Amino acid sequence: MKKGAFLFCLIAMSFAPPARKHKIYLVGDSTIAKKEIRAYPETGWGMPFTYFFDSTVEVDNRAVNGRSTKSFIAENRWKSVLEDLKGGDYVFIQFGHNDEVKTKATYTTENEFKTNLKKYVSDTRSKKAMPVLITPVARRKFDSTGKVLGTHEVYSAIVRLVAKEENVLFIDLDTRSQALLQQIGPETSRLLFNYLTPGEHPNYPAGKQDDTHFSELGARKMAQLVLAEIKNLHLDLSNHIHRP
């Protein structure tokens, strides 16, 4: 190659646009969401999840406390995600905690839940992006013998069914997180949740015993379960995880 042509190539390369980052949108409820300072040390698993990837991956955490498949759509939060979504992006979708509680305004019937999940999948695919359905992460609940108990059986089963019917990438976080809780047991598992004694933290002067929301340690452990499943699915994102 002549010197002039070589220099031209170098100059052209210097002005080439940078490669587009892989982008992951997280859609869901308080078990994933970013927390305000006044809620600390409560931590959504989407917060540490961000830091396990190298600089080529951007995680956009759109999860919000208290939301269900229904209310996330009704509040136009899903519309906002779709407006930003581009081909090749990933959308990780985890609902169920608020959908399944009949006393909440966010309650979603089983049929509605299934319909809504299918909408999230079809809308994501319409933008040439990739949906990943995730069963709701486990609550901390044990019986008197120390056996972990599931609290999402019906709604987790619906997620599994939709994933099968729609041939969607799928992470069974309910099963994986229950296994983790069983492994470490009733007492040690408190460390993964927002358990605080009175006076331990200024945000919770009276203490806290929360079997749904995570401590910083718990959020990291749940994020690691999701990351392990990303590897098991052999997603291209696996090549950009810089810690297991």
C-alpha atoms as a PDB file:
ATOM      1  CA  MET A   1       0.000   0.000   0.000  1.00  0.00           C
ATOM      2  CA  LYS A   2       1.310   3.436  -0.923  1.00  0.00           C
ATOM      3  CA  LYS A   3       2.134   5.853   1.877  1.00  0.00           C
ATOM      4  CA  GLY A   4      -0.623   8.283   0.879  1.00  0.00           C
ATOM      5  CA  ALA A   5      -3.285   5.571   0.802  1.00  0.00           C
ATOM      6  CA  PHE A   6      -2.098   4.272   4.174  1.00  0.00           C
ATOM      7  CA  LEU A   7      -2.375   7.725   5.725  1.00  0.00           C
ATOM      8  CA  PHE A   8      -5.844   8.146   4.224  1.00  0.00           C
ATOM      9  CA  CYS A   9      -6.960   4.877   5.852  1.00  0.00           C
ATOM     10  CA  LEU A  10      -5.593   5.975   9.200  1.00  0.00           C
ATOM     11  CA  ILE A  11      -7.413   9.302   8.984  1.00  0.00           C
ATOM     12  CA  ALA A  12     -10.667   7.608   7.928  1.00  0.00           C
ATOM     13  CA  MET A  13     -10.436   5.170  10.816  1.00  0.00           C
ATOM     14  CA  SER A  14      -9.881   8.012  13.285  1.00  0.00           C
ATOM     15  CA  PHE A  15     -13.200   9.561  12.249  1.00  0.00           C
ATOM     16  CA  ALA A  16     -15.167   6.310  12.240  1.00  0.00           C
ATOM     17  CA  PRO A  17     -18.038   6.307  14.748  1.00  0.00           C
ATOM     18  CA  PRO A  18     -17.391   4.216  17.868  1.00  0.00           C
ATOM     19  CA  ALA A  19     -18.981   0.775  17.979  1.00  0.00           C
ATOM     20  CA  ARG A  20     -22.454   0.867  19.502  1.00  0.00           C
ATOM     21  CA  LYS A  21     -22.650  -0.512  23.014  1.00  0.00           C
ATOM     22  CA  HIS A  22     -24.705  -3.528  23.929  1.00  0.00           C
ATOM     23  CA  LYS A  23     -27.709  -2.216  25.833  1.00  0.00           C
ATOM     24  CA  ILE A  24     -29.842  -3.969  28.434  1.00  0.00           C
ATOM     25  CA  TYR A  25     -33.111  -2.515  29.684  1.00  0.00           C
ATOM     26  CA  LEU A  26     -34.344  -3.794  33.034  1.00  0.00           C
ATOM     27  CA  VAL A  27     -38.129  -3.674  33.398  1.00  0.00           C
ATOM     28  CA  GLY A  28     -39.833  -4.634  36.634  1.00  0.00           C
ATOM     29  CA  ASP A  29     -40.527  -3.835  40.274  1.00  0.00           C
ATOM     30  CA  SER A  30     -38.772  -2.905  43.530  1.00  0.00           C
ATOM     31  CA  THR A  31     -36.722  -6.101  43.691  1.00  0.00           C
ATOM     32  CA  ILE A  32     -34.748  -4.768  40.684  1.00  0.00           C
ATOM     33  CA  ALA A  33     -35.129  -1.005  40.972  1.00  0.00           C
ATOM     34  CA  LYS A  34     -32.652   1.701  41.869  1.00  0.00           C
ATOM     35  CA  LYS A  35     -33.260   3.001  45.386  1.00  0.00           C
ATOM     36  CA  GLU A  36     -33.347   6.504  46.755  1.00  0.00           C
ATOM     37  CA  ILE A  37     -30.851   7.272  49.510  1.00  0.00           C
ATOM     38  CA  ARG A  38     -33.642   7.290  52.080  1.00  0.00           C
ATOM     39  CA  ALA A  39     -34.291   3.602  51.359  1.00  0.00           C
ATOM     40  CA  TYR A  40     -30.720   2.380  51.841  1.00  0.00           C
ATOM     41  CA  PRO A  41     -29.480  -0.203  52.610  1.00  0.00           C
ATOM     42  CA  GLU A  42     -32.413  -1.673  50.627  1.00  0.00           C
ATOM     43  CA  THR A  43     -30.987  -2.518  47.198  1.00  0.00           C
ATOM     44  CA  GLY A  44     -32.542  -3.773  43.956  1.00  0.00           C
ATOM     45  CA  TRP A  45     -30.576  -6.468  42.137  1.00  0.00           C
ATOM     46  CA  GLY A  46     -30.422  -4.250  39.072  1.00  0.00           C
ATOM     47  CA  MET A  47     -28.061  -1.890  40.901  1.00  0.00           C
ATOM     48  CA  PRO A  48     -25.033  -4.207  41.295  1.00  0.00           C
ATOM     49  CA  PHE A  49     -25.933  -5.988  38.035  1.00  0.00           C
ATOM     50  CA  THR A  50     -24.673  -2.953  36.125  1.00  0.00           C
ATOM     51  CA  TYR A  51     -21.137  -3.252  37.457  1.00  0.00           C
ATOM     52  CA  PHE A  52     -20.471  -6.843  36.415  1.00  0.00           C
ATOM     53  CA  PHE A  53     -20.116  -5.854  32.745  1.00  0.00           C
ATOM     54  CA  ASP A  54     -17.250  -4.259  30.892  1.00  0.00           C
ATOM     55  CA  SER A  55     -17.507  -0.819  29.299  1.00  0.00           C
ATOM     56  CA  THR A  56     -19.099  -2.165  26.102  1.00  0.00           C
ATOM     57  CA  VAL A  57     -22.397  -2.898  27.915  1.00  0.00           C
ATOM     58  CA  GLU A  58     -24.840  -0.270  29.152  1.00  0.00           C
ATOM     59  CA  VAL A  59     -27.570  -1.221  31.619  1.00  0.00           C
ATOM     60  CA  ASP A  60     -30.630   1.056  31.700  1.00  0.00           C
ATOM     61  CA  ASN A  61     -32.606   0.195  34.826  1.00  0.00           C
ATOM     62  CA  ARG A  62     -36.226   1.300  34.299  1.00  0.00           C
ATOM     63  CA  ALA A  63     -37.697  -0.861  37.091  1.00  0.00           C
ATOM     64  CA  VAL A  64     -39.806   1.021  39.654  1.00  0.00           C
ATOM     65  CA  ASN A  65     -41.012   0.178  43.146  1.00  0.00           C
ATOM     66  CA  GLY A  66     -44.540  -1.186  43.396  1.00  0.00           C
ATOM     67  CA  ARG A  67     -45.167  -1.746  39.698  1.00  0.00           C
ATOM     68  CA  SER A  68     -46.912  -4.638  37.999  1.00  0.00           C
ATOM     69  CA  THR A  69     -47.175  -5.582  34.347  1.00  0.00           C
ATOM     70  CA  LYS A  70     -50.405  -3.571  34.291  1.00  0.00           C
ATOM     71  CA  SER A  71     -49.337  -0.383  36.074  1.00  0.00           C
ATOM     72  CA  PHE A  72     -46.002  -0.194  34.242  1.00  0.00           C
ATOM     73  CA  ILE A  73     -47.962   0.001  31.007  1.00  0.00           C
ATOM     74  CA  ALA A  74     -50.714   2.277  32.370  1.00  0.00           C
ATOM     75  CA  GLU A  75     -48.173   4.850  33.555  1.00  0.00           C
ATOM     76  CA  ASN A  76     -46.570   4.928  30.087  1.00  0.00           C
ATOM     77  CA  ARG A  77     -43.315   3.602  31.501  1.00  0.00           C
ATOM     78  CA  TRP A  78     -43.300   0.817  28.936  1.00  0.00           C
ATOM     79  CA  LYS A  79     -44.016   3.315  26.166  1.00  0.00           C
ATOM     80  CA  SER A  80     -40.949   5.258  27.261  1.00  0.00           C
ATOM     81  CA  VAL A  81     -38.783   2.132  26.994  1.00  0.00           C
ATOM     82  CA  LEU A  82     -40.150   1.336  23.536  1.00  0.00           C
ATOM     83  CA  GLU A  83     -39.410   4.844  22.310  1.00  0.00           C
ATOM     84  CA  ASP A  84     -35.729   4.361  23.191  1.00  0.00           C
ATOM     85  CA  LEU A  85     -35.415   0.699  22.213  1.00  0.00           C
ATOM     86  CA  LYS A  86     -33.249  -0.161  19.216  1.00  0.00           C
ATOM     87  CA  GLY A  87     -32.530  -3.312  17.274  1.00  0.00           C
ATOM     88  CA  GLY A  88     -30.147  -5.630  19.074  1.00  0.00           C
ATOM     89  CA  ASP A  89     -30.992  -4.312  22.540  1.00  0.00           C
ATOM     90  CA  TYR A  90     -32.070  -6.656  25.313  1.00  0.00           C
ATOM     91  CA  VAL A  91     -35.103  -6.209  27.567  1.00  0.00           C
ATOM     92  CA  PHE A  92     -35.050  -8.187  30.812  1.00  0.00           C
ATOM     93  CA  ILE A  93     -38.626  -8.426  32.114  1.00  0.00           C
ATOM     94  CA  GLN A  94     -39.367  -9.468  35.721  1.00  0.00           C
ATOM     95  CA  PHE A  95     -42.793  -8.869  37.233  1.00  0.00           C
ATOM     96  CA  GLY A  96     -45.078 -10.791  39.546  1.00  0.00           C
ATOM     97  CA  HIS A  97     -44.573  -9.481  43.069  1.00  0.00           C
ATOM     98  CA  ASN A  98     -47.236  -6.811  42.713  1.00  0.00           C
ATOM     99  CA  ASP A  99     -49.328  -8.503  40.038  1.00  0.00           C
ATOM    100  CA  GLU A 100     -50.210 -11.386  42.357  1.00  0.00           C
ATOM    101  CA  VAL A 101     -51.374  -9.444  45.452  1.00  0.00           C
ATOM    102  CA  LYS A 102     -55.156  -9.075  45.290  1.00  0.00           C
ATOM    103  CA  THR A 103     -55.263  -6.287  47.893  1.00  0.00           C
ATOM    104  CA  LYS A 104     -53.077  -3.985  45.782  1.00  0.00           C
ATOM    105  CA  ALA A 105     -54.277  -1.581  43.123  1.00  0.00           C
ATOM    106  CA  THR A 106     -51.595  -3.091  40.883  1.00  0.00           C
ATOM    107  CA  TYR A 107     -53.206  -6.541  41.083  1.00  0.00           C
ATOM    108  CA  THR A 108     -53.352  -8.282  37.721  1.00  0.00           C
ATOM    109  CA  THR A 109     -55.443 -11.380  37.130  1.00  0.00           C
ATOM    110  CA  GLU A 110     -53.707 -14.489  35.855  1.00  0.00           C
ATOM    111  CA  ASN A 111     -55.143 -14.004  32.357  1.00  0.00           C
ATOM    112  CA  GLU A 112     -54.177 -10.328  32.330  1.00  0.00           C
ATOM    113  CA  PHE A 113     -50.680 -11.189  33.513  1.00  0.00           C
ATOM    114  CA  LYS A 114     -50.242 -13.637  30.664  1.00  0.00           C
ATOM    115  CA  THR A 115     -51.628 -11.164  28.124  1.00  0.00           C
ATOM    116  CA  ASN A 116     -49.370  -8.400  29.412  1.00  0.00           C
ATOM    117  CA  LEU A 117     -46.258 -10.561  29.281  1.00  0.00           C
ATOM    118  CA  LYS A 118     -47.046 -11.437  25.673  1.00  0.00           C
ATOM    119  CA  LYS A 119     -47.401  -7.746  24.901  1.00  0.00           C
ATOM    120  CA  TYR A 120     -43.972  -7.008  26.374  1.00  0.00           C
ATOM    121  CA  VAL A 121     -42.524  -9.793  24.235  1.00  0.00           C
ATOM    122  CA  SER A 122     -44.236  -8.807  20.990  1.00  0.00           C
ATOM    123  CA  ASP A 123     -43.540  -5.092  21.464  1.00  0.00           C
ATOM    124  CA  THR A 124     -39.868  -5.800  22.117  1.00  0.00           C
ATOM    125  CA  ARG A 125     -39.602  -8.001  19.056  1.00  0.00           C
ATOM    126  CA  SER A 126     -41.342  -5.372  16.934  1.00  0.00           C
ATOM    127  CA  LYS A 127     -38.325  -3.154  17.589  1.00  0.00           C
ATOM    128  CA  LYS A 128     -35.935  -5.970  16.581  1.00  0.00           C
ATOM    129  CA  ALA A 129     -34.798  -6.212  20.198  1.00  0.00           C
ATOM    130  CA  MET A 130     -34.543  -9.351  22.336  1.00  0.00           C
ATOM    131  CA  PRO A 131     -36.894 -10.011  25.267  1.00  0.00           C
ATOM    132  CA  VAL A 132     -35.760 -12.094  28.245  1.00  0.00           C
ATOM    133  CA  LEU A 133     -38.526 -13.247  30.594  1.00  0.00           C
ATOM    134  CA  ILE A 134     -37.605 -13.721  34.258  1.00  0.00           C
ATOM    135  CA  THR A 135     -39.711 -15.332  36.975  1.00  0.00           C
ATOM    136  CA  PRO A 136     -40.204 -13.169  40.092  1.00  0.00           C
ATOM    137  CA  VAL A 137     -37.299 -13.485  42.510  1.00  0.00           C
ATOM    138  CA  ALA A 138     -38.081 -15.452  45.690  1.00  0.00           C
ATOM    139  CA  ARG A 139     -39.225 -14.004  48.968  1.00  0.00           C
ATOM    140  CA  ARG A 140     -37.578 -15.309  52.131  1.00  0.00           C
ATOM    141  CA  LYS A 141     -40.033 -17.834  53.555  1.00  0.00           C
ATOM    142  CA  PHE A 142     -39.293 -21.105  55.369  1.00  0.00           C
ATOM    143  CA  ASP A 143     -41.497 -23.664  57.078  1.00  0.00           C
ATOM    144  CA  SER A 144     -40.920 -24.942  60.625  1.00  0.00           C
ATOM    145  CA  THR A 145     -38.504 -27.595  59.373  1.00  0.00           C
ATOM    146  CA  GLY A 146     -36.294 -25.087  57.552  1.00  0.00           C
ATOM    147  CA  LYS A 147     -37.575 -25.875  54.082  1.00  0.00           C
ATOM    148  CA  VAL A 148     -37.838 -22.885  51.768  1.00  0.00           C
ATOM    149  CA  LEU A 149     -41.362 -22.190  50.521  1.00  0.00           C
ATOM    150  CA  GLY A 150     -42.279 -20.686  47.186  1.00  0.00           C
ATOM    151  CA  THR A 151     -44.596 -17.683  47.190  1.00  0.00           C
ATOM    152  CA  HIS A 152     -44.941 -17.131  43.427  1.00  0.00           C
ATOM    153  CA  GLU A 153     -46.031 -20.566  42.203  1.00  0.00           C
ATOM    154  CA  VAL A 154     -48.964 -19.409  40.070  1.00  0.00           C
ATOM    155  CA  TYR A 155     -47.371 -16.321  38.516  1.00  0.00           C
ATOM    156  CA  SER A 156     -43.981 -17.943  38.012  1.00  0.00           C
ATOM    157  CA  ALA A 157     -45.744 -20.782  36.196  1.00  0.00           C
ATOM    158  CA  ILE A 158     -47.362 -18.237  33.877  1.00  0.00           C
ATOM    159  CA  VAL A 159     -43.959 -16.733  33.041  1.00  0.00           C
ATOM    160  CA  ARG A 160     -42.638 -20.209  32.237  1.00  0.00           C
ATOM    161  CA  LEU A 161     -45.657 -20.920  30.051  1.00  0.00           C
ATOM    162  CA  VAL A 162     -45.368 -17.669  28.092  1.00  0.00           C
ATOM    163  CA  ALA A 163     -41.641 -18.250  27.602  1.00  0.00           C
ATOM    164  CA  LYS A 164     -42.404 -21.675  26.150  1.00  0.00           C
ATOM    165  CA  GLU A 165     -45.342 -20.580  24.001  1.00  0.00           C
ATOM    166  CA  GLU A 166     -43.526 -17.570  22.586  1.00  0.00           C
ATOM    167  CA  ASN A 167     -40.094 -19.230  22.392  1.00  0.00           C
ATOM    168  CA  VAL A 168     -38.554 -16.493  24.521  1.00  0.00           C
ATOM    169  CA  LEU A 169     -35.180 -16.406  26.257  1.00  0.00           C
ATOM    170  CA  PHE A 170     -35.964 -17.311  29.861  1.00  0.00           C
ATOM    171  CA  ILE A 171     -34.371 -17.123  33.315  1.00  0.00           C
ATOM    172  CA  ASP A 172     -36.068 -18.992  36.168  1.00  0.00           C
ATOM    173  CA  LEU A 173     -34.907 -16.665  38.937  1.00  0.00           C
ATOM    174  CA  ASP A 174     -37.633 -17.886  41.303  1.00  0.00           C
ATOM    175  CA  THR A 175     -36.241 -21.424  41.259  1.00  0.00           C
ATOM    176  CA  ARG A 176     -32.606 -20.281  41.354  1.00  0.00           C
ATOM    177  CA  SER A 177     -33.119 -17.874  44.242  1.00  0.00           C
ATOM    178  CA  GLN A 178     -35.117 -20.424  46.246  1.00  0.00           C
ATOM    179  CA  ALA A 179     -32.237 -22.860  45.838  1.00  0.00           C
ATOM    180  CA  LEU A 180     -29.814 -20.235  47.126  1.00  0.00           C
ATOM    181  CA  LEU A 181     -31.986 -19.516  50.172  1.00  0.00           C
ATOM    182  CA  GLN A 182     -32.288 -23.234  50.885  1.00  0.00           C
ATOM    183  CA  GLN A 183     -28.546 -23.657  50.625  1.00  0.00           C
ATOM    184  CA  ILE A 184     -27.723 -20.998  53.215  1.00  0.00           C
ATOM    185  CA  GLY A 185     -30.730 -21.651  55.463  1.00  0.00           C
ATOM    186  CA  PRO A 186     -33.302 -19.650  57.468  1.00  0.00           C
ATOM    187  CA  GLU A 187     -30.907 -17.709  59.690  1.00  0.00           C
ATOM    188  CA  THR A 188     -28.049 -16.875  57.333  1.00  0.00           C
ATOM    189  CA  SER A 189     -30.492 -15.902  54.589  1.00  0.00           C
ATOM    190  CA  ARG A 190     -31.502 -12.872  56.652  1.00  0.00           C
ATOM    191  CA  LEU A 191     -28.197 -11.335  55.605  1.00  0.00           C
ATOM    192  CA  LEU A 192     -29.491 -11.186  52.025  1.00  0.00           C
ATOM    193  CA  PHE A 193     -32.565  -9.171  52.955  1.00  0.00           C
ATOM    194  CA  ASN A 194     -33.234  -5.793  54.530  1.00  0.00           C
ATOM    195  CA  TYR A 195     -33.014  -6.964  58.130  1.00  0.00           C
ATOM    196  CA  LEU A 196     -31.899  -4.294  60.597  1.00  0.00           C
ATOM    197  CA  THR A 197     -31.954  -4.059  64.362  1.00  0.00           C
ATOM    198  CA  PRO A 198     -33.308  -0.890  66.047  1.00  0.00           C
ATOM    199  CA  GLY A 199     -30.745   1.896  65.838  1.00  0.00           C
ATOM    200  CA  GLU A 200     -28.555   0.042  63.331  1.00  0.00           C
ATOM    201  CA  HIS A 201     -29.274   2.403  60.439  1.00  0.00           C
ATOM    202  CA  PRO A 202     -30.596   5.995  60.502  1.00  0.00           C
ATOM    203  CA  ASN A 203     -33.095   5.252  57.721  1.00  0.00           C
ATOM    204  CA  TYR A 204     -34.748   2.607  59.910  1.00  0.00           C
ATOM    205  CA  PRO A 205     -34.460   3.785  63.534  1.00  0.00           C
ATOM    206  CA  ALA A 206     -37.018   1.216  64.678  1.00  0.00           C
ATOM    207  CA  GLY A 207     -35.275  -1.560  62.735  1.00  0.00           C
ATOM    208  CA  LYS A 208     -36.621  -3.560  59.808  1.00  0.00           C
ATOM    209  CA  GLN A 209     -37.556  -7.145  59.012  1.00  0.00           C
ATOM    210  CA  ASP A 210     -38.180  -7.334  55.279  1.00  0.00           C
ATOM    211  CA  ASP A 211     -38.375 -10.712  53.567  1.00  0.00           C
ATOM    212  CA  THR A 212     -38.921  -9.251  50.082  1.00  0.00           C
ATOM    213  CA  HIS A 213     -36.308  -6.544  49.532  1.00  0.00           C
ATOM    214  CA  PHE A 214     -32.583  -7.109  49.509  1.00  0.00           C
ATOM    215  CA  SER A 215     -29.563  -5.870  51.360  1.00  0.00           C
ATOM    216  CA  GLU A 216     -26.564  -4.860  49.275  1.00  0.00           C
ATOM    217  CA  LEU A 217     -25.194  -8.388  49.693  1.00  0.00           C
ATOM    218  CA  GLY A 218     -28.492  -9.982  48.716  1.00  0.00           C
ATOM    219  CA  ALA A 219     -28.880  -7.809  45.628  1.00  0.00           C
ATOM    220  CA  ARG A 220     -25.386  -8.792  44.505  1.00  0.00           C
ATOM    221  CA  LYS A 221     -26.123 -12.478  45.026  1.00  0.00           C
ATOM    222  CA  MET A 222     -29.340 -12.238  42.995  1.00  0.00           C
ATOM    223  CA  ALA A 223     -27.548 -10.323  40.237  1.00  0.00           C
ATOM    224  CA  GLN A 224     -24.960 -13.096  40.124  1.00  0.00           C
ATOM    225  CA  LEU A 225     -27.709 -15.672  39.652  1.00  0.00           C
ATOM    226  CA  VAL A 226     -28.960 -13.724  36.625  1.00  0.00           C
ATOM    227  CA  LEU A 227     -25.426 -13.393  35.267  1.00  0.00           C
ATOM    228  CA  ALA A 228     -24.880 -17.136  35.618  1.00  0.00           C
ATOM    229  CA  GLU A 229     -28.041 -17.747  33.593  1.00  0.00           C
ATOM    230  CA  ILE A 230     -26.878 -15.298  30.916  1.00  0.00           C
ATOM    231  CA  LYS A 231     -23.815 -17.517  30.565  1.00  0.00           C
ATOM    232  CA  ASN A 232     -25.934 -20.676  30.523  1.00  0.00           C
ATOM    233  CA  LEU A 233     -28.004 -19.181  27.696  1.00  0.00           C
ATOM    234  CA  HIS A 234     -24.783 -18.441  25.772  1.00  0.00           C
ATOM    235  CA  LEU A 235     -25.867 -14.879  25.064  1.00  0.00           C
ATOM    236  CA  ASP A 236     -23.283 -12.652  23.433  1.00  0.00           C
ATOM    237  CA  LEU A 237     -23.425 -10.621  26.641  1.00  0.00           C
ATOM    238  CA  SER A 238     -21.518 -13.470  28.299  1.00  0.00           C
ATOM    239  CA  ASN A 239     -18.331 -12.290  26.606  1.00  0.00           C
ATOM    240  CA  HIS A 240     -18.609  -8.940  28.366  1.00  0.00           C
ATOM    241  CA  ILE A 241     -19.090 -10.118  31.942  1.00  0.00           C
ATOM    242  CA  HIS A 242     -15.821  -9.352  33.677  1.00  0.00           C
ATOM    243  CA  ARG A 243     -16.706 -11.126  36.920  1.00  0.00           C
ATOM    244  CA  PRO A 244     -18.743 -14.306  37.472  1.00  0.00           C
END
